[in-house]
Amino acid sequence: MKARVHVMLKNGVLDPQGEAVRHALGTLGFEGVESVRQGKVIELELAATDAEAARVEVTRMCEAILANTVIESYTVEIV
């Protein structure tokens, strides 16, 4: 079973990488991009066979190490 975790900075947290990407896009001629938020995707291959148990375990992983919950939010998708 595979799990996919999407991690993004929370609204209101400055995103210097996103701003650098926005600026670079403008420099390359891509107009109209008003803002960019950059995040990360983490894919986990799990031995679990129960989807809900896997979701609970991955959520525990997010809370422990995969996301900095002070400044980041995350979603867990079982695929």
Protein backbone atom coordinates (compact mmCIF):
# COMPACT_ATOMS: atom_id res chain seq x y z
CA MET A 1 0.00 0.00 0.00
CA LYS A 2 1.25 3.48 -0.81
CA ALA A 3 0.70 6.72 1.09
CA ARG A 4 1.27 10.20 -0.25
CA VAL A 5 1.80 13.14 2.11
CA HIS A 6 1.49 16.72 0.88
CA VAL A 7 3.22 19.29 3.11
CA MET A 8 2.74 23.05 2.64
CA LEU A 9 3.61 26.11 4.66
CA LYS A 10 0.60 27.44 6.54
CA ASN A 11 -1.09 30.61 5.30
CA GLY A 12 0.67 33.66 6.66
CA VAL A 13 4.09 31.97 6.86
CA LEU A 14 6.59 33.61 4.53
CA ASP A 15 7.70 31.39 1.64
CA PRO A 16 11.06 32.67 0.33
CA GLN A 17 11.44 29.71 -2.06
CA GLY A 18 8.01 30.35 -3.51
CA GLU A 19 8.84 34.03 -3.93
CA ALA A 20 12.11 33.13 -5.70
CA VAL A 21 10.20 30.87 -8.10
CA ARG A 22 7.61 33.61 -8.74
CA HIS A 23 10.38 36.09 -9.51
CA ALA A 24 12.19 33.62 -11.80
CA LEU A 25 8.99 32.91 -13.73
CA GLY A 26 8.54 36.65 -14.32
CA THR A 27 12.15 36.95 -15.47
CA LEU A 28 11.55 34.13 -17.96
CA GLY A 29 8.56 35.96 -19.42
CA PHE A 30 5.74 34.14 -17.65
CA GLU A 31 3.48 37.04 -16.76
CA GLY A 32 0.50 37.06 -14.46
CA VAL A 33 1.84 34.78 -11.72
CA GLU A 34 0.87 36.71 -8.60
CA SER A 35 2.14 34.27 -5.98
CA VAL A 36 3.77 30.88 -5.59
CA ARG A 37 3.68 28.58 -2.57
CA GLN A 38 6.20 25.75 -2.63
CA GLY A 39 5.72 22.51 -0.73
CA LYS A 40 6.82 18.92 -0.76
CA VAL A 41 5.33 15.53 -1.53
CA ILE A 42 6.50 12.45 0.37
CA GLU A 43 5.56 8.98 -0.89
CA LEU A 44 5.73 6.04 1.48
CA GLU A 45 5.47 2.38 0.52
CA LEU A 46 3.81 0.62 3.44
CA ALA A 47 3.47 -3.04 4.42
CA ALA A 48 0.06 -2.28 5.94
CA THR A 49 -3.03 -3.85 4.37
CA ASP A 50 -5.68 -1.84 6.22
CA ALA A 51 -6.13 1.65 4.75
CA GLU A 52 -7.42 3.29 7.92
CA ALA A 53 -4.65 1.82 10.07
CA ALA A 54 -2.13 3.04 7.49
CA ARG A 55 -3.64 6.55 7.57
CA VAL A 56 -3.37 6.63 11.37
CA GLU A 57 0.26 5.49 11.26
CA VAL A 58 1.24 7.99 8.55
CA THR A 59 -0.48 10.77 10.49
CA ARG A 60 1.65 9.84 13.50
CA MET A 61 4.74 10.01 11.25
CA CYS A 62 3.72 13.47 10.08
CA GLU A 63 3.25 14.71 13.61
CA ALA A 64 6.62 13.24 14.67
CA ILE A 65 8.97 14.09 11.80
CA LEU A 66 7.53 14.56 8.30
CA ALA A 67 5.98 17.99 8.91
CA ASN A 68 6.86 20.88 11.18
CA THR A 69 3.31 21.38 12.44
CA VAL A 70 4.13 24.80 13.87
CA ILE A 71 4.54 26.29 10.39
CA GLU A 72 3.36 23.54 8.01
CA SER A 73 0.10 21.78 7.30
CA TYR A 74 -0.18 18.36 5.71
CA THR A 75 -2.66 16.00 4.08
CA VAL A 76 -2.41 12.22 3.95
CA GLU A 77 -3.64 10.30 0.93
CA ILE A 78 -3.72 6.49 0.81
CA VAL A 79 -3.30 5.37 -2.80
